[in-house]
Structures are given as structure tokens and as C-alpha cells.
Amino acid sequence: SCLTRILKVETNYREGDLIKIRNHRQWSICVPTDLQGGQGKVVREYTMSAIPMGFGKSFMNLEEKLGLIVKVVRNKLDQPQGYRVQIGQDVWFFKSVLAQKYFELVGDKDDEEWGSR
């Protein structure tokens, strides 16, 4: 059913989770370099081929970067709307739909080795 498909797609990342940004069908998460240092700036997705020639240095590609989820933003139904993620010194806001496409959980928190670190 449609509801079952929606529930399976929902992300369930938690505060403290370590994630890695990956690409999704030739699309990447990029941020304008003039926004670096911002707190909670909204991240958008781009295809690198859509960035005009000469403007590549104006964008920072977050692919393969590690991030720490510092806040889960929820709606009134307690569903995740988005995530505040610290990457280096910056904190970025990723909508849940982007998290579904681009986040990859690093490590397994249930693993005993993880808990002993």
C-alpha cells in the first residue's frame, strides 16, 4: 500500500549519529562557499554539470564528507522534518528528503566495538 511505502522511506537518524554524504544518481549536495561559517544554513542539491563554467570554486561539494547529526527537527506528528548536521566548523540544515537520498550511516551503534570508543 501507499502508506507502507511512505513509512519505509522515512529516515530515522538520531542526534549523535555520524553520517557520510554520498552522491545520488549524478547529483550531489553542494553549498555556496560564501555561506561557509553559517549556522543552520539550508543545503540544496545540484548536479555538478549544471554549475556554470568558472563558478565551480563558488560551490563546495559535500560528497564524501563526514557529518555529525546535532539536532533532529520534528513536526507535530513527531516525524523528522530535517537534520542539523555539523561538518567541520559549520552546521548545515538538511531536509529529510535530502537525508534519504544522500546520508549513509557510518558504523553500527549496536556494535560493541563502537560503544567502547
N, C-alpha and C. Protein backbone atom coordinates (compact mmCIF):
# COMPACT_ATOMS: atom_id res chain seq x y z
N SER A 1 0.84 -1.20 0.00
CA SER A 1 0.00 0.00 0.00
C SER A 1 0.88 1.25 0.00
N CYS A 2 0.26 2.36 -0.31
CA CYS A 2 0.99 3.64 -0.38
C CYS A 2 1.55 4.02 0.99
N LEU A 3 0.77 3.81 2.04
CA LEU A 3 1.23 4.15 3.39
C LEU A 3 2.46 3.34 3.79
N THR A 4 2.47 2.07 3.43
CA THR A 4 3.61 1.22 3.74
C THR A 4 4.86 1.75 3.05
N ARG A 5 4.73 2.16 1.78
CA ARG A 5 5.88 2.69 1.06
C ARG A 5 6.39 3.96 1.70
N ILE A 6 5.49 4.81 2.15
CA ILE A 6 5.89 6.07 2.79
C ILE A 6 6.64 5.77 4.09
N LEU A 7 6.15 4.85 4.88
CA LEU A 7 6.79 4.54 6.15
C LEU A 7 8.18 3.94 5.95
N LYS A 8 8.37 3.14 4.90
CA LYS A 8 9.67 2.54 4.65
C LYS A 8 10.70 3.57 4.24
N VAL A 9 10.26 4.68 3.64
CA VAL A 9 11.18 5.70 3.14
C VAL A 9 11.62 6.65 4.26
N GLU A 10 10.84 6.72 5.33
CA GLU A 10 11.15 7.66 6.40
C GLU A 10 12.54 7.41 6.98
N THR A 11 13.23 8.50 7.21
CA THR A 11 14.56 8.39 7.81
C THR A 11 14.44 8.36 9.32
N ASN A 12 15.35 7.69 9.96
CA ASN A 12 15.32 7.58 11.41
C ASN A 12 16.69 7.87 12.01
N TYR A 13 17.36 8.89 11.53
CA TYR A 13 18.65 9.25 12.09
C TYR A 13 18.42 9.91 13.44
N ARG A 14 19.40 9.77 14.31
CA ARG A 14 19.28 10.33 15.66
C ARG A 14 20.42 11.29 15.93
N GLU A 15 20.20 12.15 16.91
CA GLU A 15 21.27 13.05 17.35
C GLU A 15 22.44 12.20 17.80
N GLY A 16 23.64 12.58 17.37
CA GLY A 16 24.83 11.82 17.70
C GLY A 16 25.25 10.84 16.62
N ASP A 17 24.38 10.60 15.63
CA ASP A 17 24.74 9.70 14.53
C ASP A 17 25.80 10.36 13.65
N LEU A 18 26.75 9.56 13.21
CA LEU A 18 27.77 10.00 12.27
C LEU A 18 27.35 9.53 10.89
N ILE A 19 27.33 10.47 9.94
CA ILE A 19 26.90 10.14 8.59
C ILE A 19 27.97 10.56 7.58
N LYS A 20 27.89 9.93 6.41
CA LYS A 20 28.75 10.32 5.29
C LYS A 20 27.84 10.73 4.16
N ILE A 21 28.18 11.82 3.48
CA ILE A 21 27.39 12.30 2.35
C ILE A 21 27.83 11.52 1.11
N ARG A 22 26.89 10.97 0.39
CA ARG A 22 27.19 10.25 -0.85
C ARG A 22 26.46 10.92 -2.01
N ASN A 23 26.81 10.54 -3.25
CA ASN A 23 26.08 11.10 -4.38
C ASN A 23 24.85 10.26 -4.65
N HIS A 24 23.96 10.80 -5.45
CA HIS A 24 22.71 10.11 -5.76
C HIS A 24 22.37 10.37 -7.22
N ARG A 25 22.59 9.38 -8.05
CA ARG A 25 22.26 9.48 -9.48
C ARG A 25 22.87 10.72 -10.14
N GLN A 26 24.16 10.90 -9.96
CA GLN A 26 24.93 12.00 -10.54
C GLN A 26 24.64 13.36 -9.89
N TRP A 27 23.83 13.39 -8.85
CA TRP A 27 23.55 14.62 -8.12
C TRP A 27 24.38 14.62 -6.85
N SER A 28 24.71 15.81 -6.38
CA SER A 28 25.49 15.96 -5.15
C SER A 28 24.90 17.06 -4.30
N ILE A 29 25.32 17.07 -3.07
CA ILE A 29 24.98 18.15 -2.17
C ILE A 29 26.13 19.16 -2.26
N CYS A 30 25.79 20.37 -2.62
CA CYS A 30 26.79 21.44 -2.72
C CYS A 30 26.28 22.65 -1.96
N VAL A 31 27.21 23.43 -1.45
CA VAL A 31 26.84 24.66 -0.76
C VAL A 31 27.68 25.80 -1.31
N PRO A 32 27.07 26.97 -1.47
CA PRO A 32 27.87 28.12 -1.91
C PRO A 32 28.95 28.42 -0.88
N THR A 33 30.16 28.68 -1.35
CA THR A 33 31.28 28.90 -0.42
C THR A 33 31.09 30.16 0.41
N ASP A 34 30.29 31.12 -0.06
CA ASP A 34 30.09 32.33 0.74
C ASP A 34 29.20 32.09 1.95
N LEU A 35 28.60 30.92 2.05
CA LEU A 35 27.77 30.59 3.22
C LEU A 35 28.55 29.83 4.28
N GLN A 36 29.80 29.45 4.00
CA GLN A 36 30.57 28.71 4.99
C GLN A 36 30.70 29.55 6.25
N GLY A 37 30.68 28.88 7.37
CA GLY A 37 30.74 29.57 8.65
C GLY A 37 29.36 29.88 9.18
N GLY A 38 28.34 29.60 8.38
CA GLY A 38 26.97 29.87 8.81
C GLY A 38 26.47 28.78 9.72
N GLN A 39 25.48 29.10 10.51
CA GLN A 39 24.88 28.13 11.41
C GLN A 39 23.48 27.81 10.91
N GLY A 40 23.27 26.57 10.52
CA GLY A 40 21.93 26.14 10.12
C GLY A 40 21.51 26.58 8.75
N LYS A 41 22.44 26.89 7.88
CA LYS A 41 22.08 27.25 6.51
C LYS A 41 21.49 26.05 5.80
N VAL A 42 20.48 26.29 4.96
CA VAL A 42 19.81 25.21 4.25
C VAL A 42 20.66 24.74 3.08
N VAL A 43 20.78 23.43 2.94
CA VAL A 43 21.58 22.81 1.89
C VAL A 43 20.66 22.47 0.72
N ARG A 44 21.17 22.60 -0.49
CA ARG A 44 20.41 22.26 -1.69
C ARG A 44 21.21 21.24 -2.51
N GLU A 45 20.50 20.56 -3.40
CA GLU A 45 21.18 19.58 -4.25
C GLU A 45 21.41 20.18 -5.64
N TYR A 46 22.55 19.81 -6.22
CA TYR A 46 22.93 20.28 -7.55
C TYR A 46 23.53 19.13 -8.32
N THR A 47 23.43 19.21 -9.64
CA THR A 47 24.24 18.33 -10.48
C THR A 47 25.43 19.18 -10.89
N MET A 48 26.61 18.65 -10.71
CA MET A 48 27.81 19.45 -10.96
C MET A 48 27.85 19.99 -12.39
N SER A 49 27.24 19.28 -13.33
CA SER A 49 27.24 19.75 -14.72
C SER A 49 26.34 20.97 -14.90
N ALA A 50 25.46 21.24 -13.95
CA ALA A 50 24.57 22.40 -14.05
C ALA A 50 25.22 23.68 -13.53
N ILE A 51 26.34 23.55 -12.83
CA ILE A 51 27.04 24.73 -12.32
C ILE A 51 27.82 25.33 -13.49
N PRO A 52 27.58 26.59 -13.81
CA PRO A 52 28.23 27.19 -14.98
C PRO A 52 29.75 27.16 -14.89
N MET A 53 30.38 27.08 -16.05
CA MET A 53 31.85 27.08 -16.14
C MET A 53 32.39 28.31 -15.40
N GLY A 54 33.44 28.12 -14.64
CA GLY A 54 34.04 29.23 -13.92
C GLY A 54 33.44 29.47 -12.55
N PHE A 55 32.32 28.82 -12.26
CA PHE A 55 31.68 29.02 -10.95
C PHE A 55 31.91 27.84 -10.01
N GLY A 56 32.66 26.83 -10.46
CA GLY A 56 32.90 25.65 -9.65
C GLY A 56 33.53 25.96 -8.30
N LYS A 57 34.38 26.99 -8.26
CA LYS A 57 35.04 27.36 -6.99
C LYS A 57 34.09 28.10 -6.06
N SER A 58 32.92 28.49 -6.58
CA SER A 58 31.93 29.18 -5.76
C SER A 58 31.08 28.21 -4.96
N PHE A 59 31.26 26.90 -5.22
CA PHE A 59 30.49 25.87 -4.54
C PHE A 59 31.43 24.86 -3.90
N MET A 60 31.05 24.39 -2.71
CA MET A 60 31.79 23.33 -2.05
C MET A 60 30.93 22.07 -2.11
N ASN A 61 31.47 21.02 -2.71
CA ASN A 61 30.78 19.76 -2.80
C ASN A 61 30.96 19.00 -1.49
N LEU A 62 29.86 18.57 -0.87
CA LEU A 62 29.92 17.88 0.42
C LEU A 62 30.05 16.36 0.27
N GLU A 63 30.09 15.87 -0.96
CA GLU A 63 30.21 14.43 -1.19
C GLU A 63 31.44 13.87 -0.49
N GLU A 64 31.27 12.74 0.18
CA GLU A 64 32.31 12.03 0.92
C GLU A 64 32.69 12.71 2.24
N LYS A 65 32.05 13.81 2.59
CA LYS A 65 32.33 14.48 3.87
C LYS A 65 31.59 13.73 4.98
N LEU A 66 32.20 13.75 6.16
CA LEU A 66 31.56 13.18 7.35
C LEU A 66 30.84 14.28 8.11
N GLY A 67 29.70 13.94 8.69
CA GLY A 67 28.94 14.90 9.46
C GLY A 67 28.37 14.27 10.71
N LEU A 68 28.15 15.09 11.71
CA LEU A 68 27.56 14.65 12.98
C LEU A 68 26.18 15.28 13.10
N ILE A 69 25.15 14.46 13.27
CA ILE A 69 23.80 14.99 13.45
C ILE A 69 23.71 15.57 14.85
N VAL A 70 23.51 16.89 14.93
CA VAL A 70 23.47 17.56 16.22
C VAL A 70 22.04 17.89 16.66
N LYS A 71 21.08 17.86 15.71
CA LYS A 71 19.69 18.15 16.06
C LYS A 71 18.76 17.53 15.04
N VAL A 72 17.72 16.87 15.52
CA VAL A 72 16.67 16.35 14.65
C VAL A 72 15.47 17.28 14.82
N VAL A 73 15.02 17.89 13.73
CA VAL A 73 13.87 18.79 13.76
C VAL A 73 12.63 17.98 13.40
N ARG A 74 11.64 17.96 14.29
CA ARG A 74 10.45 17.13 14.09
C ARG A 74 9.20 17.99 13.94
N ASN A 75 8.19 17.44 13.25
CA ASN A 75 6.90 18.12 13.12
C ASN A 75 5.98 17.71 14.26
N LYS A 76 4.73 18.16 14.21
CA LYS A 76 3.79 17.87 15.29
C LYS A 76 3.41 16.40 15.38
N LEU A 77 3.66 15.65 14.32
CA LEU A 77 3.40 14.21 14.33
C LEU A 77 4.63 13.41 14.74
N ASP A 78 5.65 14.13 15.21
CA ASP A 78 6.92 13.53 15.65
C ASP A 78 7.69 12.85 14.51
N GLN A 79 7.47 13.34 13.28
CA GLN A 79 8.21 12.84 12.13
C GLN A 79 9.39 13.78 11.87
N PRO A 80 10.52 13.25 11.45
CA PRO A 80 11.66 14.13 11.18
C PRO A 80 11.41 15.00 9.94
N GLN A 81 11.55 16.31 10.13
CA GLN A 81 11.44 17.25 9.00
C GLN A 81 12.81 17.52 8.40
N GLY A 82 13.82 17.45 9.26
CA GLY A 82 15.16 17.73 8.79
C GLY A 82 16.17 17.53 9.89
N TYR A 83 17.43 17.75 9.52
CA TYR A 83 18.54 17.47 10.43
C TYR A 83 19.55 18.60 10.38
N ARG A 84 20.01 19.03 11.54
CA ARG A 84 21.14 19.96 11.61
C ARG A 84 22.38 19.09 11.75
N VAL A 85 23.31 19.28 10.81
CA VAL A 85 24.49 18.42 10.72
C VAL A 85 25.74 19.28 10.77
N GLN A 86 26.64 18.93 11.69
CA GLN A 86 27.92 19.63 11.77
C GLN A 86 28.92 18.94 10.86
N ILE A 87 29.47 19.72 9.93
CA ILE A 87 30.51 19.26 9.03
C ILE A 87 31.67 20.23 9.20
N GLY A 88 32.74 19.77 9.82
CA GLY A 88 33.83 20.68 10.16
C GLY A 88 33.34 21.68 11.20
N GLN A 89 33.56 22.96 10.93
CA GLN A 89 33.12 24.01 11.86
C GLN A 89 31.69 24.48 11.57
N ASP A 90 31.13 24.08 10.44
CA ASP A 90 29.83 24.58 10.00
C ASP A 90 28.70 23.64 10.38
N VAL A 91 27.52 24.22 10.61
CA VAL A 91 26.30 23.45 10.85
C VAL A 91 25.34 23.76 9.71
N TRP A 92 24.90 22.69 9.03
CA TRP A 92 24.02 22.82 7.87
C TRP A 92 22.70 22.15 8.17
N PHE A 93 21.61 22.66 7.55
CA PHE A 93 20.29 22.05 7.70
C PHE A 93 19.96 21.26 6.44
N PHE A 94 19.69 19.96 6.62
CA PHE A 94 19.30 19.08 5.52
C PHE A 94 17.84 18.69 5.73
N LYS A 95 16.99 18.93 4.74
CA LYS A 95 15.62 18.43 4.80
C LYS A 95 15.65 16.91 4.78
N SER A 96 14.62 16.29 5.35
CA SER A 96 14.57 14.82 5.43
C SER A 96 14.66 14.17 4.06
N VAL A 97 14.07 14.77 3.06
CA VAL A 97 14.10 14.18 1.72
C VAL A 97 15.54 14.10 1.20
N LEU A 98 16.37 15.08 1.53
CA LEU A 98 17.78 15.02 1.14
C LEU A 98 18.54 13.98 1.96
N ALA A 99 18.19 13.86 3.24
CA ALA A 99 18.84 12.85 4.08
C ALA A 99 18.59 11.45 3.53
N GLN A 100 17.36 11.20 3.06
CA GLN A 100 17.03 9.88 2.49
C GLN A 100 17.93 9.57 1.31
N LYS A 101 18.20 10.55 0.49
CA LYS A 101 18.98 10.34 -0.73
C LYS A 101 20.48 10.30 -0.48
N TYR A 102 20.98 11.14 0.42
CA TYR A 102 22.41 11.40 0.47
C TYR A 102 23.14 10.93 1.72
N PHE A 103 22.42 10.61 2.81
CA PHE A 103 23.09 10.21 4.03
C PHE A 103 23.37 8.71 4.03
N GLU A 104 24.54 8.37 4.52
CA GLU A 104 24.91 6.97 4.75
C GLU A 104 25.42 6.90 6.19
N LEU A 105 24.79 6.09 7.01
CA LEU A 105 25.18 5.95 8.40
C LEU A 105 26.57 5.32 8.47
N VAL A 106 27.44 5.89 9.28
CA VAL A 106 28.81 5.37 9.44
C VAL A 106 28.86 4.57 10.73
N GLY A 107 29.34 3.33 10.64
CA GLY A 107 29.44 2.50 11.84
C GLY A 107 28.09 1.95 12.24
N ASP A 108 28.10 1.11 13.24
CA ASP A 108 26.89 0.50 13.77
C ASP A 108 26.90 0.72 15.27
N LYS A 109 25.99 1.55 15.74
CA LYS A 109 26.00 1.88 17.16
C LYS A 109 25.75 0.68 18.06
N ASP A 110 25.10 -0.36 17.50
CA ASP A 110 24.84 -1.54 18.31
C ASP A 110 26.07 -2.43 18.43
N ASP A 111 27.07 -2.15 17.63
CA ASP A 111 28.31 -2.92 17.65
C ASP A 111 29.05 -2.62 18.95
N GLU A 112 29.48 -3.64 19.67
CA GLU A 112 30.16 -3.46 20.96
C GLU A 112 31.42 -2.61 20.78
N GLU A 113 32.11 -2.81 19.68
CA GLU A 113 33.35 -2.07 19.45
C GLU A 113 33.07 -0.58 19.37
N TRP A 114 31.95 -0.19 18.74
CA TRP A 114 31.58 1.22 18.62
C TRP A 114 31.39 1.83 20.00
N GLY A 115 30.67 1.11 20.88
CA GLY A 115 30.37 1.63 22.20
C GLY A 115 31.59 1.77 23.09
N SER A 116 32.66 1.07 22.80
CA SER A 116 33.84 1.11 23.65
C SER A 116 34.81 2.24 23.26
N ARG A 117 34.49 2.96 22.17
CA ARG A 117 35.40 4.02 21.71
C ARG A 117 35.28 5.27 22.54
